[in-house]
């Protein structure tokens, strides 16, 4: 029975890895097709680079520890960091329409990168997890505000949102199974992977908000001009 639950956990882990991994690409493809990054919050991208860098370091330093961090967690975090950097390069390359990164975001990232460097030097993982949670708490806000100001979600890929929601749901399921199996085996509940849990909860909440904005508050026009490839 334990082997069955372990197999299910592994399947859920790599399934959420696939969903969250693929979720980055619709936005990249949309930017490429439009030859523009307008409608996508640059603050979101810069915060993503900082947050996933911190999370990748957290996962790498926590492998084999008591916090239920697995290889699929580290693989996802590393991939997310690289893809976020690539999206940032798209901002430099495509039409920006006058959008820019808010100075407050640059200041916040400078502070958080200082925390990241100190945490790595002192080999402490908890500050890295806290940095990622802070980023997740604030990074979606600029995009939600941008959608509201434009009364539109054009330029923001809804497929990325739907895949992110799918990955968050699968991540919750894996974390619950891992915790349940560890409690069966050792008799006590292990420490929660707090960054993973927090990321899933916060991401799910904002995903639902973006779905509401896209399909209810600011639905896309029924017809749109073709986009040249």
Protein backbone atom coordinates (compact mmCIF):
# COMPACT_ATOMS: atom_id res chain seq x y z
CA UNK A 1 0.00 0.00 0.00
CA UNK A 2 2.84 2.35 0.87
CA UNK A 3 4.41 1.71 -2.53
CA UNK A 4 1.15 2.64 -4.23
CA UNK A 5 0.95 5.98 -2.41
CA UNK A 6 4.63 6.63 -3.16
CA UNK A 7 4.02 6.01 -6.85
CA UNK A 8 0.99 8.30 -6.80
CA UNK A 9 3.04 11.02 -5.11
CA UNK A 10 5.75 10.72 -7.74
CA UNK A 11 3.16 10.85 -10.54
CA UNK A 12 1.53 13.94 -9.03
CA UNK A 13 4.93 15.56 -8.54
CA UNK A 14 5.99 15.20 -12.14
CA UNK A 15 2.48 16.09 -13.34
CA UNK A 16 2.53 19.39 -11.48
CA UNK A 17 6.08 19.89 -12.74
CA UNK A 18 4.83 19.48 -16.32
CA UNK A 19 1.80 21.75 -15.82
CA UNK A 20 3.76 24.52 -14.13
CA UNK A 21 6.64 24.13 -16.60
CA UNK A 22 4.41 24.37 -19.66
CA UNK A 23 2.53 27.32 -18.09
CA UNK A 24 5.43 29.65 -18.88
CA UNK A 25 5.38 29.04 -22.61
CA UNK A 26 1.98 30.38 -23.75
CA UNK A 27 3.07 33.86 -22.63
CA UNK A 28 6.38 33.53 -24.45
CA UNK A 29 4.61 32.37 -27.61
CA UNK A 30 2.04 35.18 -27.33
CA UNK A 31 4.80 37.77 -27.01
CA UNK A 32 6.52 36.29 -30.05
CA UNK A 33 3.38 36.25 -32.17
CA UNK A 34 2.41 39.82 -31.26
CA UNK A 35 6.01 41.11 -31.50
CA UNK A 36 5.02 43.03 -28.38
CA UNK A 37 5.04 42.66 -24.60
CA UNK A 38 2.38 45.29 -23.92
CA UNK A 39 -0.32 44.05 -21.58
CA UNK A 40 2.16 41.89 -19.66
CA UNK A 41 3.35 43.45 -16.40
CA UNK A 42 7.12 44.00 -16.41
CA UNK A 43 7.01 44.16 -12.61
CA UNK A 44 5.64 40.61 -12.64
CA UNK A 45 8.54 39.38 -14.76
CA UNK A 46 11.27 41.04 -12.68
CA UNK A 47 9.73 39.76 -9.46
CA UNK A 48 9.46 36.28 -10.98
CA UNK A 49 13.19 36.20 -11.76
CA UNK A 50 14.02 37.13 -8.16
CA UNK A 51 11.47 34.78 -6.62
CA UNK A 52 12.29 31.69 -8.63
CA UNK A 53 16.03 32.24 -8.19
CA UNK A 54 15.48 32.21 -4.44
CA UNK A 55 13.20 29.17 -4.64
CA UNK A 56 15.70 27.23 -6.77
CA UNK A 57 18.41 27.87 -4.18
CA UNK A 58 16.00 26.89 -1.39
CA UNK A 59 15.14 23.60 -3.10
CA UNK A 60 18.75 22.75 -3.90
CA UNK A 61 19.91 23.41 -0.34
CA UNK A 62 16.93 21.47 1.11
CA UNK A 63 17.26 18.27 -0.94
CA UNK A 64 17.45 15.27 1.37
CA UNK A 65 16.26 17.31 4.34
CA UNK A 66 13.10 17.06 6.46
CA UNK A 67 11.03 19.57 4.46
CA UNK A 68 9.78 17.10 1.83
CA UNK A 69 11.63 18.82 -1.02
CA UNK A 70 11.97 16.48 -3.99
CA UNK A 71 13.94 16.56 -7.23
CA UNK A 72 10.88 17.63 -9.21
CA UNK A 73 10.65 20.70 -6.94
CA UNK A 74 14.23 21.69 -7.72
CA UNK A 75 13.87 20.87 -11.42
CA UNK A 76 10.80 23.08 -11.68
CA UNK A 77 12.39 25.96 -9.77
CA UNK A 78 15.54 25.92 -11.90
CA UNK A 79 13.55 25.77 -15.14
CA UNK A 80 11.24 28.56 -13.95
CA UNK A 81 14.23 30.78 -13.23
CA UNK A 82 15.70 30.27 -16.70
CA UNK A 83 12.38 30.78 -18.50
CA UNK A 84 11.64 33.92 -16.47
CA UNK A 85 15.01 35.33 -17.52
CA UNK A 86 14.15 34.55 -21.14
CA UNK A 87 10.82 36.38 -20.76
CA UNK A 88 12.76 39.33 -19.38
CA UNK A 89 14.92 39.31 -22.50
CA UNK A 90 11.74 39.47 -24.59
CA UNK A 91 10.92 42.75 -22.83
CA UNK A 92 14.22 44.16 -24.09
CA UNK A 93 13.60 42.90 -27.62
CA UNK A 94 9.90 43.54 -28.39
CA UNK A 95 7.69 46.62 -28.41
CA UNK A 96 7.15 47.82 -24.84
CA UNK A 97 4.54 50.48 -25.58
CA UNK A 98 5.94 52.84 -22.95
CA UNK A 99 5.60 50.33 -20.10
CA UNK A 100 8.41 50.10 -17.57
CA UNK A 101 9.37 48.49 -14.27
CA UNK A 102 8.23 50.54 -11.28
CA UNK A 103 11.12 51.96 -9.19
CA UNK A 104 9.59 50.42 -6.07
CA UNK A 105 9.95 46.96 -7.64
CA UNK A 106 13.64 47.56 -8.35
CA UNK A 107 14.12 48.66 -4.73
CA UNK A 108 12.29 45.62 -3.36
CA UNK A 109 14.33 43.26 -5.54
CA UNK A 110 17.58 44.89 -4.42
CA UNK A 111 16.63 44.27 -0.78
CA UNK A 112 15.55 40.69 -1.44
CA UNK A 113 18.72 39.87 -3.41
CA UNK A 114 20.72 41.08 -0.40
CA UNK A 115 18.76 38.64 1.76
CA UNK A 116 19.36 35.84 -0.77
CA UNK A 117 23.13 36.40 -0.84
CA UNK A 118 23.37 36.51 2.96
CA UNK A 119 21.23 33.35 3.27
CA UNK A 120 23.38 31.41 0.80
CA UNK A 121 26.62 32.50 2.48
CA UNK A 122 25.26 31.53 5.91
CA UNK A 123 23.70 28.34 4.46
CA UNK A 124 20.25 29.08 5.89
CA UNK A 125 17.26 27.98 3.82
CA UNK A 126 14.38 29.62 5.69
CA UNK A 127 15.14 33.17 4.45
CA UNK A 128 15.16 31.85 0.88
CA UNK A 129 11.70 30.39 1.37
CA UNK A 130 10.46 33.63 2.91
CA UNK A 131 11.77 35.61 -0.07
CA UNK A 132 9.82 33.40 -2.46
CA UNK A 133 6.67 33.75 -0.39
CA UNK A 134 7.01 37.55 -0.35
CA UNK A 135 7.48 37.57 -4.11
CA UNK A 136 4.47 35.32 -4.65
CA UNK A 137 2.36 37.55 -2.41
CA UNK A 138 3.11 40.72 -4.38
CA UNK A 139 4.09 39.68 -7.92
CA UNK A 140 0.56 39.15 -9.25
CA UNK A 141 -0.72 42.49 -7.94
CA UNK A 142 0.84 44.63 -10.74
CA UNK A 143 -0.69 42.39 -13.41
CA UNK A 144 -4.13 42.52 -11.77
CA UNK A 145 -3.87 46.31 -11.55
CA UNK A 146 -2.69 46.57 -15.17
CA UNK A 147 -5.66 44.49 -16.32
CA UNK A 148 -7.98 46.75 -14.33
CA UNK A 149 -6.46 49.98 -15.67
CA UNK A 150 -6.68 48.74 -19.25
CA UNK A 151 -10.08 47.10 -18.68
CA UNK A 152 -8.60 44.27 -20.71
CA UNK A 153 -6.46 41.15 -20.42
CA UNK A 154 -5.06 41.46 -23.95
CA UNK A 155 -1.35 40.60 -23.85
CA UNK A 156 -1.73 38.38 -20.78
CA UNK A 157 -2.04 34.70 -21.68
CA UNK A 158 -5.03 32.99 -20.06
CA UNK A 159 -3.52 29.61 -20.94
CA UNK A 160 -0.60 30.36 -18.63
CA UNK A 161 -3.12 31.06 -15.87
CA UNK A 162 -5.11 27.85 -16.46
CA UNK A 163 -1.97 25.70 -16.50
CA UNK A 164 -0.70 27.44 -13.36
CA UNK A 165 -3.97 26.65 -11.60
CA UNK A 166 -3.68 23.01 -12.67
CA UNK A 167 -0.13 22.79 -11.35
CA UNK A 168 -1.11 24.35 -8.04
CA UNK A 169 -3.89 21.81 -7.52
CA UNK A 170 -1.55 18.88 -8.26
CA UNK A 171 1.11 20.36 -5.97
CA UNK A 172 -1.39 20.48 -3.08
CA UNK A 173 -2.27 16.84 -3.68
CA UNK A 174 1.37 15.70 -3.67
CA UNK A 175 2.18 17.65 -0.51
CA UNK A 176 -0.81 16.12 1.31
CA UNK A 177 0.13 12.56 0.26
CA UNK A 178 3.80 13.04 1.24
CA UNK A 179 2.82 14.37 4.65
CA UNK A 180 0.34 11.53 5.18
CA UNK A 181 2.91 8.86 4.24
CA UNK A 182 5.56 10.38 6.50
CA UNK A 183 3.12 10.43 9.41
CA UNK A 184 2.26 6.76 8.83
CA UNK A 185 5.93 5.84 8.75
CA UNK A 186 7.27 7.89 11.64
CA UNK A 187 4.17 8.47 13.75
CA UNK A 188 4.51 12.25 13.66
CA UNK A 189 3.72 14.81 10.99
CA UNK A 190 6.87 16.21 9.33
CA UNK A 191 7.58 19.92 8.93
CA UNK A 192 5.58 21.41 6.10
CA UNK A 193 7.31 22.59 2.95
CA UNK A 194 6.00 26.08 3.73
CA UNK A 195 7.23 27.80 0.54
CA UNK A 196 5.61 25.13 -1.62
CA UNK A 197 2.33 25.32 0.31
CA UNK A 198 2.31 29.12 0.34
CA UNK A 199 3.16 29.36 -3.34
CA UNK A 200 0.32 27.01 -4.20
CA UNK A 201 -2.26 28.84 -2.08
CA UNK A 202 -1.33 32.32 -3.26
CA UNK A 203 -1.00 31.32 -6.90
CA UNK A 204 -4.39 29.61 -6.84
CA UNK A 205 -6.07 32.69 -5.40
CA UNK A 206 -4.64 35.02 -8.03
CA UNK A 207 -5.29 32.52 -10.83
CA UNK A 208 -8.96 32.56 -9.92
CA UNK A 209 -8.90 36.38 -9.97
CA UNK A 210 -7.31 36.41 -13.44
CA UNK A 211 -9.89 33.92 -14.71
CA UNK A 212 -12.63 36.21 -13.38
CA UNK A 213 -11.02 39.21 -15.10
CA UNK A 214 -10.58 37.41 -18.41
CA UNK A 215 -13.91 35.65 -18.76
CA UNK A 216 -16.29 37.86 -16.76
CA UNK A 217 -15.01 41.39 -16.10
CA UNK A 218 -13.00 42.08 -19.26
CA UNK A 219 -13.87 39.37 -21.80
CA UNK A 220 -11.85 39.44 -25.02
CA UNK A 221 -13.55 40.76 -28.17
CA UNK A 222 -15.33 38.13 -30.24
CA UNK A 223 -13.31 39.13 -33.30
CA UNK A 224 -9.73 40.30 -33.44
CA UNK A 225 -7.33 41.17 -36.25
CA UNK A 226 -5.03 38.33 -37.29
CA UNK A 227 -1.55 38.24 -35.80
CA UNK A 228 1.33 37.82 -38.16
CA UNK A 229 3.73 35.02 -37.28
